[in-house]
Amino acid sequence: LVSVPLTGLERMLSSSLNMDLSLPTSKGFTSLTAIISVVAELAGTSLFHGMCPHSVLAYEKASAKFRTKMAEKSRQ
């Protein structure tokens, strides 16, 4: 398992929601996926007023790509 530093948004959401950041990957969940799901749910609320849902998806794609790259490096 690769340990990647959390972004400010991930830290904020994980602490405010008291999320366990070691969700089981065997069921297809990662902490990033859980956090992004929460962000996507909140995208229409006043907390994220004016936030474009496309930016959430772009962030998720970029983060997944980064984590894949880090995992590949750790296997070498």
PDB file of N, CA and C in Angstrom:
ATOM      1  N   LEU A   1       0.852  -1.181   0.000  1.00  0.00           N
ATOM      2  CA  LEU A   1       0.000   0.000   0.000  1.00  0.00           C
ATOM      3  C   LEU A   1       0.887   1.230   0.000  1.00  0.00           C
ATOM      4  N   VAL A   2       0.563   2.177  -0.842  1.00  0.00           N
ATOM      5  CA  VAL A   2       1.356   3.401  -0.972  1.00  0.00           C
ATOM      6  C   VAL A   2       0.743   4.487  -0.109  1.00  0.00           C
ATOM      7  N   SER A   3       1.588   5.136   0.671  1.00  0.00           N
ATOM      8  CA  SER A   3       1.114   6.237   1.502  1.00  0.00           C
ATOM      9  C   SER A   3       1.360   7.543   0.763  1.00  0.00           C
ATOM     10  N   VAL A   4       0.281   8.257   0.482  1.00  0.00           N
ATOM     11  CA  VAL A   4       0.373   9.531  -0.230  1.00  0.00           C
ATOM     12  C   VAL A   4      -0.162  10.620   0.688  1.00  0.00           C
ATOM     13  N   PRO A   5       0.574  11.738   0.820  1.00  0.00           N
ATOM     14  CA  PRO A   5       0.098  12.814   1.705  1.00  0.00           C
ATOM     15  C   PRO A   5      -1.284  13.315   1.297  1.00  0.00           C
ATOM     16  N   LEU A   6      -2.078  13.637   2.286  1.00  0.00           N
ATOM     17  CA  LEU A   6      -3.424  14.143   2.032  1.00  0.00           C
ATOM     18  C   LEU A   6      -3.380  15.611   1.648  1.00  0.00           C
ATOM     19  N   THR A   7      -4.280  16.000   0.779  1.00  0.00           N
ATOM     20  CA  THR A   7      -4.404  17.413   0.435  1.00  0.00           C
ATOM     21  C   THR A   7      -5.183  18.099   1.544  1.00  0.00           C
ATOM     22  N   GLY A   8      -5.217  19.406   1.507  1.00  0.00           N
ATOM     23  CA  GLY A   8      -5.975  20.160   2.511  1.00  0.00           C
ATOM     24  C   GLY A   8      -7.446  19.795   2.495  1.00  0.00           C
ATOM     25  N   LEU A   9      -8.012  19.616   1.290  1.00  0.00           N
ATOM     26  CA  LEU A   9      -9.424  19.256   1.173  1.00  0.00           C
ATOM     27  C   LEU A   9      -9.686  17.882   1.772  1.00  0.00           C
ATOM     28  N   GLU A  10      -8.806  16.921   1.479  1.00  0.00           N
ATOM     29  CA  GLU A  10      -8.969  15.579   2.037  1.00  0.00           C
ATOM     30  C   GLU A  10      -8.873  15.602   3.560  1.00  0.00           C
ATOM     31  N   ARG A  11      -7.895  16.371   4.094  1.00  0.00           N
ATOM     32  CA  ARG A  11      -7.753  16.472   5.554  1.00  0.00           C
ATOM     33  C   ARG A  11      -8.991  17.091   6.177  1.00  0.00           C
ATOM     34  N   MET A  12      -9.497  18.157   5.553  1.00  0.00           N
ATOM     35  CA  MET A  12     -10.666  18.845   6.090  1.00  0.00           C
ATOM     36  C   MET A  12     -11.864  17.902   6.131  1.00  0.00           C
ATOM     37  N   LEU A  13     -12.115  17.218   5.025  1.00  0.00           N
ATOM     38  CA  LEU A  13     -13.270  16.328   4.977  1.00  0.00           C
ATOM     39  C   LEU A  13     -13.109  15.129   5.896  1.00  0.00           C
ATOM     40  N   SER A  14     -11.913  14.550   5.933  1.00  0.00           N
ATOM     41  CA  SER A  14     -11.734  13.366   6.761  1.00  0.00           C
ATOM     42  C   SER A  14     -11.865  13.697   8.242  1.00  0.00           C
ATOM     43  N   SER A  15     -11.346  14.851   8.655  1.00  0.00           N
ATOM     44  CA  SER A  15     -11.461  15.195  10.070  1.00  0.00           C
ATOM     45  C   SER A  15     -12.872  15.638  10.424  1.00  0.00           C
ATOM     46  N   SER A  16     -13.514  16.381   9.517  1.00  0.00           N
ATOM     47  CA  SER A  16     -14.859  16.852   9.844  1.00  0.00           C
ATOM     48  C   SER A  16     -15.879  15.724   9.819  1.00  0.00           C
ATOM     49  N   LEU A  17     -15.619  14.713   9.040  1.00  0.00           N
ATOM     50  CA  LEU A  17     -16.549  13.581   8.974  1.00  0.00           C
ATOM     51  C   LEU A  17     -16.088  12.399   9.816  1.00  0.00           C
ATOM     52  N   ASN A  18     -14.936  12.549  10.487  1.00  0.00           N
ATOM     53  CA  ASN A  18     -14.375  11.468  11.297  1.00  0.00           C
ATOM     54  C   ASN A  18     -14.225  10.185  10.499  1.00  0.00           C
ATOM     55  N   MET A  19     -13.732  10.314   9.281  1.00  0.00           N
ATOM     56  CA  MET A  19     -13.600   9.154   8.405  1.00  0.00           C
ATOM     57  C   MET A  19     -12.346   8.371   8.742  1.00  0.00           C
ATOM     58  N   ASP A  20     -12.448   7.060   8.621  1.00  0.00           N
ATOM     59  CA  ASP A  20     -11.287   6.193   8.746  1.00  0.00           C
ATOM     60  C   ASP A  20     -10.583   6.192   7.396  1.00  0.00           C
ATOM     61  N   LEU A  21      -9.323   6.593   7.376  1.00  0.00           N
ATOM     62  CA  LEU A  21      -8.614   6.704   6.109  1.00  0.00           C
ATOM     63  C   LEU A  21      -8.008   5.388   5.636  1.00  0.00           C
ATOM     64  N   SER A  22      -8.370   4.292   6.264  1.00  0.00           N
ATOM     65  CA  SER A  22      -7.881   2.996   5.794  1.00  0.00           C
ATOM     66  C   SER A  22      -9.052   2.104   5.424  1.00  0.00           C
ATOM     67  N   LEU A  23      -9.947   2.612   4.588  1.00  0.00           N
ATOM     68  CA  LEU A  23     -11.084   1.824   4.138  1.00  0.00           C
ATOM     69  C   LEU A  23     -10.593   0.637   3.323  1.00  0.00           C
ATOM     70  N   PRO A  24     -11.304  -0.474   3.362  1.00  0.00           N
ATOM     71  CA  PRO A  24     -10.833  -1.681   2.670  1.00  0.00           C
ATOM     72  C   PRO A  24     -10.812  -1.505   1.158  1.00  0.00           C
ATOM     73  N   THR A  25      -9.626  -1.744   0.567  1.00  0.00           N
ATOM     74  CA  THR A  25      -9.518  -1.638  -0.882  1.00  0.00           C
ATOM     75  C   THR A  25     -10.085  -2.870  -1.561  1.00  0.00           C
ATOM     76  N   SER A  26     -10.229  -3.982  -0.845  1.00  0.00           N
ATOM     77  CA  SER A  26     -10.750  -5.203  -1.451  1.00  0.00           C
ATOM     78  C   SER A  26     -12.185  -5.032  -1.922  1.00  0.00           C
ATOM     79  N   LYS A  27     -12.907  -4.105  -1.336  1.00  0.00           N
ATOM     80  CA  LYS A  27     -14.288  -3.861  -1.750  1.00  0.00           C
ATOM     81  C   LYS A  27     -14.367  -2.738  -2.773  1.00  0.00           C
ATOM     82  N   GLY A  28     -13.220  -2.306  -3.272  1.00  0.00           N
ATOM     83  CA  GLY A  28     -13.207  -1.292  -4.317  1.00  0.00           C
ATOM     84  C   GLY A  28     -13.272   0.133  -3.806  1.00  0.00           C
ATOM     85  N   PHE A  29     -13.116   0.316  -2.510  1.00  0.00           N
ATOM     86  CA  PHE A  29     -13.165   1.660  -1.961  1.00  0.00           C
ATOM     87  C   PHE A  29     -11.769   2.100  -1.549  1.00  0.00           C
ATOM     88  N   THR A  30     -11.510   3.361  -1.696  1.00  0.00           N
ATOM     89  CA  THR A  30     -10.292   3.959  -1.158  1.00  0.00           C
ATOM     90  C   THR A  30     -10.709   5.201  -0.403  1.00  0.00           C
ATOM     91  N   SER A  31      -9.823   5.691   0.409  1.00  0.00           N
ATOM     92  CA  SER A  31     -10.169   6.908   1.140  1.00  0.00           C
ATOM     93  C   SER A  31     -10.433   8.049   0.166  1.00  0.00           C
ATOM     94  N   LEU A  32      -9.666   8.103  -0.915  1.00  0.00           N
ATOM     95  CA  LEU A  32      -9.881   9.164  -1.897  1.00  0.00           C
ATOM     96  C   LEU A  32     -11.261   9.055  -2.528  1.00  0.00           C
ATOM     97  N   THR A  33     -11.654   7.841  -2.891  1.00  0.00           N
ATOM     98  CA  THR A  33     -12.974   7.646  -3.495  1.00  0.00           C
ATOM     99  C   THR A  33     -14.067   8.073  -2.536  1.00  0.00           C
ATOM    100  N   ALA A  34     -13.922   7.715  -1.266  1.00  0.00           N
ATOM    101  CA  ALA A  34     -14.925   8.095  -0.269  1.00  0.00           C
ATOM    102  C   ALA A  34     -14.988   9.611  -0.119  1.00  0.00           C
ATOM    103  N   ILE A  35     -13.837  10.241  -0.075  1.00  0.00           N
ATOM    104  CA  ILE A  35     -13.793  11.691   0.084  1.00  0.00           C
ATOM    105  C   ILE A  35     -14.368  12.390  -1.146  1.00  0.00           C
ATOM    106  N   ILE A  36     -13.997  11.916  -2.325  1.00  0.00           N
ATOM    107  CA  ILE A  36     -14.519  12.516  -3.555  1.00  0.00           C
ATOM    108  C   ILE A  36     -16.025  12.343  -3.636  1.00  0.00           C
ATOM    109  N   SER A  37     -16.531  11.206  -3.175  1.00  0.00           N
ATOM    110  CA  SER A  37     -17.981  10.992  -3.161  1.00  0.00           C
ATOM    111  C   SER A  37     -18.669  12.029  -2.290  1.00  0.00           C
ATOM    112  N   VAL A  38     -18.079  12.314  -1.137  1.00  0.00           N
ATOM    113  CA  VAL A  38     -18.640  13.321  -0.237  1.00  0.00           C
ATOM    114  C   VAL A  38     -18.605  14.691  -0.906  1.00  0.00           C
ATOM    115  N   VAL A  39     -17.484  15.015  -1.544  1.00  0.00           N
ATOM    116  CA  VAL A  39     -17.362  16.304  -2.223  1.00  0.00           C
ATOM    117  C   VAL A  39     -18.403  16.418  -3.332  1.00  0.00           C
ATOM    118  N   ALA A  40     -18.585  15.338  -4.093  1.00  0.00           N
ATOM    119  CA  ALA A  40     -19.572  15.352  -5.170  1.00  0.00           C
ATOM    120  C   ALA A  40     -20.980  15.559  -4.617  1.00  0.00           C
ATOM    121  N   GLU A  41     -21.277  14.938  -3.472  1.00  0.00           N
ATOM    122  CA  GLU A  41     -22.589  15.114  -2.842  1.00  0.00           C
ATOM    123  C   GLU A  41     -22.785  16.554  -2.375  1.00  0.00           C
ATOM    124  N   LEU A  42     -21.712  17.158  -1.874  1.00  0.00           N
ATOM    125  CA  LEU A  42     -21.800  18.514  -1.345  1.00  0.00           C
ATOM    126  C   LEU A  42     -21.711  19.588  -2.428  1.00  0.00           C
ATOM    127  N   ALA A  43     -21.386  19.190  -3.650  1.00  0.00           N
ATOM    128  CA  ALA A  43     -21.148  20.165  -4.717  1.00  0.00           C
ATOM    129  C   ALA A  43     -22.340  21.085  -4.956  1.00  0.00           C
ATOM    130  N   GLY A  44     -23.538  20.613  -4.695  1.00  0.00           N
ATOM    131  CA  GLY A  44     -24.720  21.443  -4.911  1.00  0.00           C
ATOM    132  C   GLY A  44     -25.137  22.246  -3.696  1.00  0.00           C
ATOM    133  N   THR A  45     -24.458  22.082  -2.576  1.00  0.00           N
ATOM    134  CA  THR A  45     -24.834  22.793  -1.354  1.00  0.00           C
ATOM    135  C   THR A  45     -24.138  24.142  -1.270  1.00  0.00           C
ATOM    136  N   SER A  46     -24.543  24.949  -0.311  1.00  0.00           N
ATOM    137  CA  SER A  46     -23.947  26.278  -0.153  1.00  0.00           C
ATOM    138  C   SER A  46     -22.471  26.202   0.220  1.00  0.00           C
ATOM    139  N   LEU A  47     -22.049  25.077   0.829  1.00  0.00           N
ATOM    140  CA  LEU A  47     -20.642  24.924   1.195  1.00  0.00           C
ATOM    141  C   LEU A  47     -19.757  25.010  -0.043  1.00  0.00           C
ATOM    142  N   PHE A  48     -20.229  24.445  -1.142  1.00  0.00           N
ATOM    143  CA  PHE A  48     -19.468  24.452  -2.377  1.00  0.00           C
ATOM    144  C   PHE A  48     -20.185  25.259  -3.454  1.00  0.00           C
ATOM    145  N   HIS A  49     -20.837  26.333  -3.056  1.00  0.00           N
ATOM    146  CA  HIS A  49     -21.591  27.162  -3.995  1.00  0.00           C
ATOM    147  C   HIS A  49     -20.689  27.640  -5.127  1.00  0.00           C
ATOM    148  N   GLY A  50     -21.136  27.394  -6.344  1.00  0.00           N
ATOM    149  CA  GLY A  50     -20.373  27.831  -7.508  1.00  0.00           C
ATOM    150  C   GLY A  50     -19.287  26.874  -7.942  1.00  0.00           C
ATOM    151  N   MET A  51     -19.089  25.800  -7.228  1.00  0.00           N
ATOM    152  CA  MET A  51     -18.057  24.839  -7.610  1.00  0.00           C
ATOM    153  C   MET A  51     -18.553  23.996  -8.776  1.00  0.00           C
ATOM    154  N   CYS A  52     -17.755  23.876  -9.792  1.00  0.00           N
ATOM    155  CA  CYS A  52     -18.135  23.109 -10.978  1.00  0.00           C
ATOM    156  C   CYS A  52     -17.907  21.624 -10.720  1.00  0.00           C
ATOM    157  N   PRO A  53     -18.925  20.777 -10.928  1.00  0.00           N
ATOM    158  CA  PRO A  53     -18.750  19.328 -10.732  1.00  0.00           C
ATOM    159  C   PRO A  53     -17.644  18.751 -11.603  1.00  0.00           C
ATOM    160  N   HIS A  54     -17.382  19.383 -12.755  1.00  0.00           N
ATOM    161  CA  HIS A  54     -16.314  18.893 -13.622  1.00  0.00           C
ATOM    162  C   HIS A  54     -14.959  18.991 -12.935  1.00  0.00           C
ATOM    163  N   SER A  55     -14.776  20.003 -12.096  1.00  0.00           N
ATOM    164  CA  SER A  55     -13.503  20.136 -11.400  1.00  0.00           C
ATOM    165  C   SER A  55     -13.329  19.018 -10.381  1.00  0.00           C
ATOM    166  N   VAL A  56     -14.409  18.540  -9.801  1.00  0.00           N
ATOM    167  CA  VAL A  56     -14.338  17.405  -8.874  1.00  0.00           C
ATOM    168  C   VAL A  56     -13.906  16.162  -9.636  1.00  0.00           C
ATOM    169  N   LEU A  57     -14.508  15.941 -10.799  1.00  0.00           N
ATOM    170  CA  LEU A  57     -14.146  14.776 -11.606  1.00  0.00           C
ATOM    171  C   LEU A  57     -12.706  14.870 -12.097  1.00  0.00           C
ATOM    172  N   ALA A  58     -12.279  16.061 -12.481  1.00  0.00           N
ATOM    173  CA  ALA A  58     -10.898  16.252 -12.923  1.00  0.00           C
ATOM    174  C   ALA A  58      -9.931  15.971 -11.779  1.00  0.00           C
ATOM    175  N   TYR A  59     -10.270  16.418 -10.584  1.00  0.00           N
ATOM    176  CA  TYR A  59      -9.446  16.166  -9.405  1.00  0.00           C
ATOM    177  C   TYR A  59      -9.358  14.670  -9.122  1.00  0.00           C
ATOM    178  N   GLU A  60     -10.493  13.986  -9.204  1.00  0.00           N
ATOM    179  CA  GLU A  60     -10.506  12.545  -8.958  1.00  0.00           C
ATOM    180  C   GLU A  60      -9.639  11.818  -9.976  1.00  0.00           C
ATOM    181  N   LYS A  61      -9.752  12.188 -11.253  1.00  0.00           N
ATOM    182  CA  LYS A  61      -8.942  11.554 -12.297  1.00  0.00           C
ATOM    183  C   LYS A  61      -7.457  11.797 -12.067  1.00  0.00           C
ATOM    184  N   ALA A  62      -7.097  13.036 -11.778  1.00  0.00           N
ATOM    185  CA  ALA A  62      -5.693  13.382 -11.563  1.00  0.00           C
ATOM    186  C   ALA A  62      -5.139  12.670 -10.336  1.00  0.00           C
ATOM    187  N   SER A  63      -5.929  12.589  -9.277  1.00  0.00           N
ATOM    188  CA  SER A  63      -5.482  11.919  -8.058  1.00  0.00           C
ATOM    189  C   SER A  63      -5.313  10.426  -8.288  1.00  0.00           C
ATOM    190  N   ALA A  64      -6.238   9.818  -9.031  1.00  0.00           N
ATOM    191  CA  ALA A  64      -6.139   8.386  -9.336  1.00  0.00           C
ATOM    192  C   ALA A  64      -4.894   8.111 -10.175  1.00  0.00           C
ATOM    193  N   LYS A  65      -4.630   8.987 -11.132  1.00  0.00           N
ATOM    194  CA  LYS A  65      -3.449   8.841 -11.986  1.00  0.00           C
ATOM    195  C   LYS A  65      -2.176   8.947 -11.143  1.00  0.00           C
ATOM    196  N   PHE A  66      -2.145   9.916 -10.237  1.00  0.00           N
ATOM    197  CA  PHE A  66      -0.993  10.105  -9.358  1.00  0.00           C
ATOM    198  C   PHE A  66      -0.777   8.888  -8.463  1.00  0.00           C
ATOM    199  N   ARG A  67      -1.842   8.377  -7.866  1.00  0.00           N
ATOM    200  CA  ARG A  67      -1.726   7.212  -6.993  1.00  0.00           C
ATOM    201  C   ARG A  67      -1.263   5.979  -7.765  1.00  0.00           C
ATOM    202  N   THR A  68      -1.732   5.819  -9.002  1.00  0.00           N
ATOM    203  CA  THR A  68      -1.293   4.701  -9.840  1.00  0.00           C
ATOM    204  C   THR A  68       0.194   4.817 -10.125  1.00  0.00           C
ATOM    205  N   LYS A  69       0.629   6.033 -10.463  1.00  0.00           N
ATOM    206  CA  LYS A  69       2.045   6.266 -10.746  1.00  0.00           C
ATOM    207  C   LYS A  69       2.901   5.976  -9.510  1.00  0.00           C
ATOM    208  N   MET A  70       2.431   6.407  -8.335  1.00  0.00           N
ATOM    209  CA  MET A  70       3.172   6.159  -7.092  1.00  0.00           C
ATOM    210  C   MET A  70       3.234   4.659  -6.785  1.00  0.00           C
ATOM    211  N   ALA A  71       2.145   3.946  -7.034  1.00  0.00           N
ATOM    212  CA  ALA A  71       2.114   2.503  -6.787  1.00  0.00           C
ATOM    213  C   ALA A  71       3.084   1.787  -7.720  1.00  0.00           C
ATOM    214  N   GLU A  72       3.148   2.215  -8.969  1.00  0.00           N
ATOM    215  CA  GLU A  72       4.078   1.615  -9.927  1.00  0.00           C
ATOM    216  C   GLU A  72       5.517   1.857  -9.503  1.00  0.00           C
ATOM    217  N   LYS A  73       5.810   3.049  -9.030  1.00  0.00           N
ATOM    218  CA  LYS A  73       7.165   3.358  -8.571  1.00  0.00           C
ATOM    219  C   LYS A  73       7.551   2.506  -7.369  1.00  0.00           C
ATOM    220  N   SER A  74       6.603   2.260  -6.473  1.00  0.00           N
ATOM    221  CA  SER A  74       6.921   1.487  -5.268  1.00  0.00           C
ATOM    222  C   SER A  74       7.170   0.018  -5.587  1.00  0.00           C
ATOM    223  N   ARG A  75       6.620  -0.469  -6.711  1.00  0.00           N
ATOM    224  CA  ARG A  75       6.824  -1.867  -7.106  1.00  0.00           C
ATOM    225  C   ARG A  75       8.167  -2.081  -7.779  1.00  0.00           C
ATOM    226  N   GLN A  76       8.806  -1.018  -8.230  1.00  0.00           N
ATOM    227  CA  GLN A  76      10.079  -1.150  -8.961  1.00  0.00           C
ATOM    228  C   GLN A  76      11.230  -1.409  -8.034  1.00  0.00           C
TER     229      GLN A  76
END
